[in-house]
Amino acid sequence: MKIIINGHEKEISKGTTIKKLLEDLKVLDKTMAVAVNMKIVKKDDWDKYELKENDKVEALNFVGGG
């Protein structure tokens, strides 16, 4: 099925959770917040939240600087 992650279309398997998606993208340890269809999903729920066809996912990480 198709989702949009950070503005890019991606094919994923049905039943893919946020956690699995981030693991597959190798960004799980770098991601601080995730929004699906403009709604923040708590980090504690990433392993339970199954993505659906055409979901728009934004994965955010914090970049230090100064």
N, C-alpha and C. Protein backbone atom coordinates (compact mmCIF):
# COMPACT_ATOMS: atom_id res chain seq x y z
N MET A 1 0.84 -1.17 0.00
CA MET A 1 0.00 0.00 0.00
C MET A 1 0.88 1.24 0.00
N LYS A 2 0.32 2.37 -0.34
CA LYS A 2 1.08 3.59 -0.52
C LYS A 2 0.83 4.56 0.64
N ILE A 3 1.93 5.17 1.12
CA ILE A 3 1.84 6.26 2.09
C ILE A 3 2.74 7.39 1.59
N ILE A 4 2.62 8.53 2.23
CA ILE A 4 3.53 9.64 1.98
C ILE A 4 4.31 9.88 3.26
N ILE A 5 5.63 9.81 3.19
CA ILE A 5 6.45 10.08 4.37
C ILE A 5 7.39 11.24 4.06
N ASN A 6 7.26 12.28 4.87
CA ASN A 6 8.05 13.50 4.70
C ASN A 6 8.03 13.97 3.24
N GLY A 7 6.84 13.91 2.63
CA GLY A 7 6.66 14.41 1.27
C GLY A 7 7.02 13.45 0.16
N HIS A 8 7.46 12.24 0.50
CA HIS A 8 7.86 11.25 -0.52
C HIS A 8 6.95 10.03 -0.46
N GLU A 9 6.51 9.58 -1.63
CA GLU A 9 5.66 8.39 -1.72
C GLU A 9 6.49 7.15 -1.42
N LYS A 10 5.87 6.23 -0.65
CA LYS A 10 6.58 4.98 -0.30
C LYS A 10 5.57 3.85 -0.27
N GLU A 11 5.98 2.70 -0.77
CA GLU A 11 5.18 1.48 -0.71
C GLU A 11 5.55 0.73 0.56
N ILE A 12 4.55 0.34 1.34
CA ILE A 12 4.78 -0.44 2.55
C ILE A 12 3.79 -1.60 2.57
N SER A 13 4.07 -2.56 3.41
CA SER A 13 3.18 -3.71 3.57
C SER A 13 2.00 -3.35 4.46
N LYS A 14 0.87 -3.96 4.20
CA LYS A 14 -0.29 -3.78 5.06
C LYS A 14 0.08 -4.25 6.47
N GLY A 15 -0.36 -3.50 7.47
CA GLY A 15 -0.06 -3.85 8.85
C GLY A 15 1.23 -3.24 9.38
N THR A 16 1.92 -2.45 8.56
CA THR A 16 3.16 -1.81 9.00
C THR A 16 2.86 -0.78 10.08
N THR A 17 3.59 -0.86 11.17
CA THR A 17 3.44 0.12 12.25
C THR A 17 4.43 1.27 12.05
N ILE A 18 4.22 2.34 12.79
CA ILE A 18 5.16 3.46 12.73
C ILE A 18 6.56 2.97 13.10
N LYS A 19 6.65 2.20 14.17
CA LYS A 19 7.96 1.70 14.62
C LYS A 19 8.65 0.90 13.52
N LYS A 20 7.93 -0.01 12.87
CA LYS A 20 8.49 -0.84 11.80
C LYS A 20 8.95 0.04 10.63
N LEU A 21 8.14 1.03 10.28
CA LEU A 21 8.51 1.93 9.20
C LEU A 21 9.82 2.65 9.52
N LEU A 22 9.93 3.19 10.73
CA LEU A 22 11.14 3.91 11.13
C LEU A 22 12.34 2.98 11.21
N GLU A 23 12.14 1.74 11.65
CA GLU A 23 13.22 0.75 11.65
C GLU A 23 13.69 0.47 10.23
N ASP A 24 12.74 0.27 9.32
CA ASP A 24 13.08 -0.02 7.92
C ASP A 24 13.85 1.14 7.28
N LEU A 25 13.50 2.36 7.68
CA LEU A 25 14.18 3.55 7.14
C LEU A 25 15.48 3.86 7.87
N LYS A 26 15.77 3.07 8.92
CA LYS A 26 16.97 3.23 9.73
C LYS A 26 17.05 4.61 10.39
N VAL A 27 15.89 5.10 10.86
CA VAL A 27 15.84 6.41 11.53
C VAL A 27 15.12 6.33 12.88
N LEU A 28 14.85 5.13 13.36
CA LEU A 28 14.11 4.98 14.62
C LEU A 28 14.79 5.72 15.76
N ASP A 29 16.10 5.53 15.90
CA ASP A 29 16.81 6.14 17.03
C ASP A 29 17.01 7.65 16.87
N LYS A 30 16.76 8.19 15.67
CA LYS A 30 16.93 9.62 15.42
C LYS A 30 15.61 10.38 15.44
N THR A 31 14.50 9.68 15.43
CA THR A 31 13.19 10.32 15.32
C THR A 31 12.64 10.66 16.70
N MET A 32 12.23 11.90 16.86
CA MET A 32 11.73 12.37 18.15
C MET A 32 10.21 12.49 18.18
N ALA A 33 9.59 12.74 17.04
CA ALA A 33 8.14 12.91 16.99
C ALA A 33 7.62 12.44 15.64
N VAL A 34 6.38 11.92 15.64
CA VAL A 34 5.75 11.48 14.41
C VAL A 34 4.31 11.99 14.40
N ALA A 35 3.93 12.55 13.25
CA ALA A 35 2.54 12.95 13.05
C ALA A 35 1.99 12.16 11.87
N VAL A 36 0.78 11.67 12.00
CA VAL A 36 0.09 10.97 10.92
C VAL A 36 -1.16 11.77 10.62
N ASN A 37 -1.25 12.23 9.38
CA ASN A 37 -2.39 13.06 8.95
C ASN A 37 -2.57 14.25 9.89
N MET A 38 -1.44 14.89 10.24
CA MET A 38 -1.42 16.12 11.04
C MET A 38 -1.73 15.92 12.52
N LYS A 39 -1.75 14.67 12.99
CA LYS A 39 -2.00 14.39 14.40
C LYS A 39 -0.78 13.68 14.99
N ILE A 40 -0.27 14.23 16.09
CA ILE A 40 0.90 13.64 16.75
C ILE A 40 0.52 12.27 17.32
N VAL A 41 1.39 11.29 17.11
CA VAL A 41 1.22 9.96 17.69
C VAL A 41 2.28 9.81 18.78
N LYS A 42 1.85 9.50 19.99
CA LYS A 42 2.76 9.34 21.12
C LYS A 42 3.77 8.22 20.83
N LYS A 43 4.99 8.45 21.27
CA LYS A 43 6.07 7.48 21.03
C LYS A 43 5.72 6.11 21.61
N ASP A 44 5.01 6.09 22.73
CA ASP A 44 4.61 4.81 23.34
C ASP A 44 3.67 4.00 22.46
N ASP A 45 3.03 4.66 21.49
CA ASP A 45 2.05 3.99 20.61
C ASP A 45 2.62 3.61 19.25
N TRP A 46 3.88 3.94 18.97
CA TRP A 46 4.44 3.68 17.65
C TRP A 46 4.42 2.20 17.28
N ASP A 47 4.59 1.32 18.25
CA ASP A 47 4.63 -0.12 17.94
C ASP A 47 3.23 -0.71 17.76
N LYS A 48 2.19 0.07 18.07
CA LYS A 48 0.81 -0.41 17.93
C LYS A 48 0.06 0.27 16.79
N TYR A 49 0.52 1.44 16.37
CA TYR A 49 -0.20 2.26 15.39
C TYR A 49 0.08 1.74 13.98
N GLU A 50 -0.92 1.10 13.37
CA GLU A 50 -0.78 0.58 12.01
C GLU A 50 -1.14 1.66 11.00
N LEU A 51 -0.26 1.85 10.05
CA LEU A 51 -0.49 2.84 9.01
C LEU A 51 -1.51 2.32 8.00
N LYS A 52 -2.22 3.27 7.38
CA LYS A 52 -3.26 2.93 6.41
C LYS A 52 -2.91 3.55 5.05
N GLU A 53 -3.54 3.01 4.01
CA GLU A 53 -3.37 3.51 2.65
C GLU A 53 -3.53 5.02 2.62
N ASN A 54 -2.61 5.70 1.95
CA ASN A 54 -2.61 7.15 1.74
C ASN A 54 -2.39 7.99 2.99
N ASP A 55 -1.95 7.38 4.11
CA ASP A 55 -1.60 8.19 5.28
C ASP A 55 -0.45 9.12 4.91
N LYS A 56 -0.49 10.31 5.52
CA LYS A 56 0.60 11.27 5.36
C LYS A 56 1.36 11.31 6.68
N VAL A 57 2.61 10.84 6.64
CA VAL A 57 3.43 10.70 7.83
C VAL A 57 4.54 11.75 7.80
N GLU A 58 4.70 12.43 8.92
CA GLU A 58 5.82 13.36 9.09
C GLU A 58 6.66 12.86 10.27
N ALA A 59 7.90 12.52 10.01
CA ALA A 59 8.81 12.06 11.06
C ALA A 59 9.79 13.20 11.31
N LEU A 60 9.83 13.66 12.55
CA LEU A 60 10.64 14.82 12.89
C LEU A 60 11.78 14.44 13.81
N ASN A 61 12.92 15.04 13.56
CA ASN A 61 14.04 14.87 14.47
C ASN A 61 14.58 16.24 14.83
N PHE A 62 15.24 16.33 15.94
CA PHE A 62 15.78 17.60 16.40
C PHE A 62 17.25 17.68 16.03
N VAL A 63 17.63 18.82 15.50
CA VAL A 63 19.00 19.04 15.08
C VAL A 63 19.60 20.10 15.99
N GLY A 64 20.71 19.75 16.60
CA GLY A 64 21.39 20.71 17.46
C GLY A 64 22.14 21.74 16.64
N GLY A 65 22.36 22.84 17.23
CA GLY A 65 23.11 23.88 16.55
C GLY A 65 23.29 25.06 17.48
N GLY A 66 23.83 26.10 16.94
CA GLY A 66 23.95 27.23 17.82
C GLY A 66 24.94 28.15 17.40
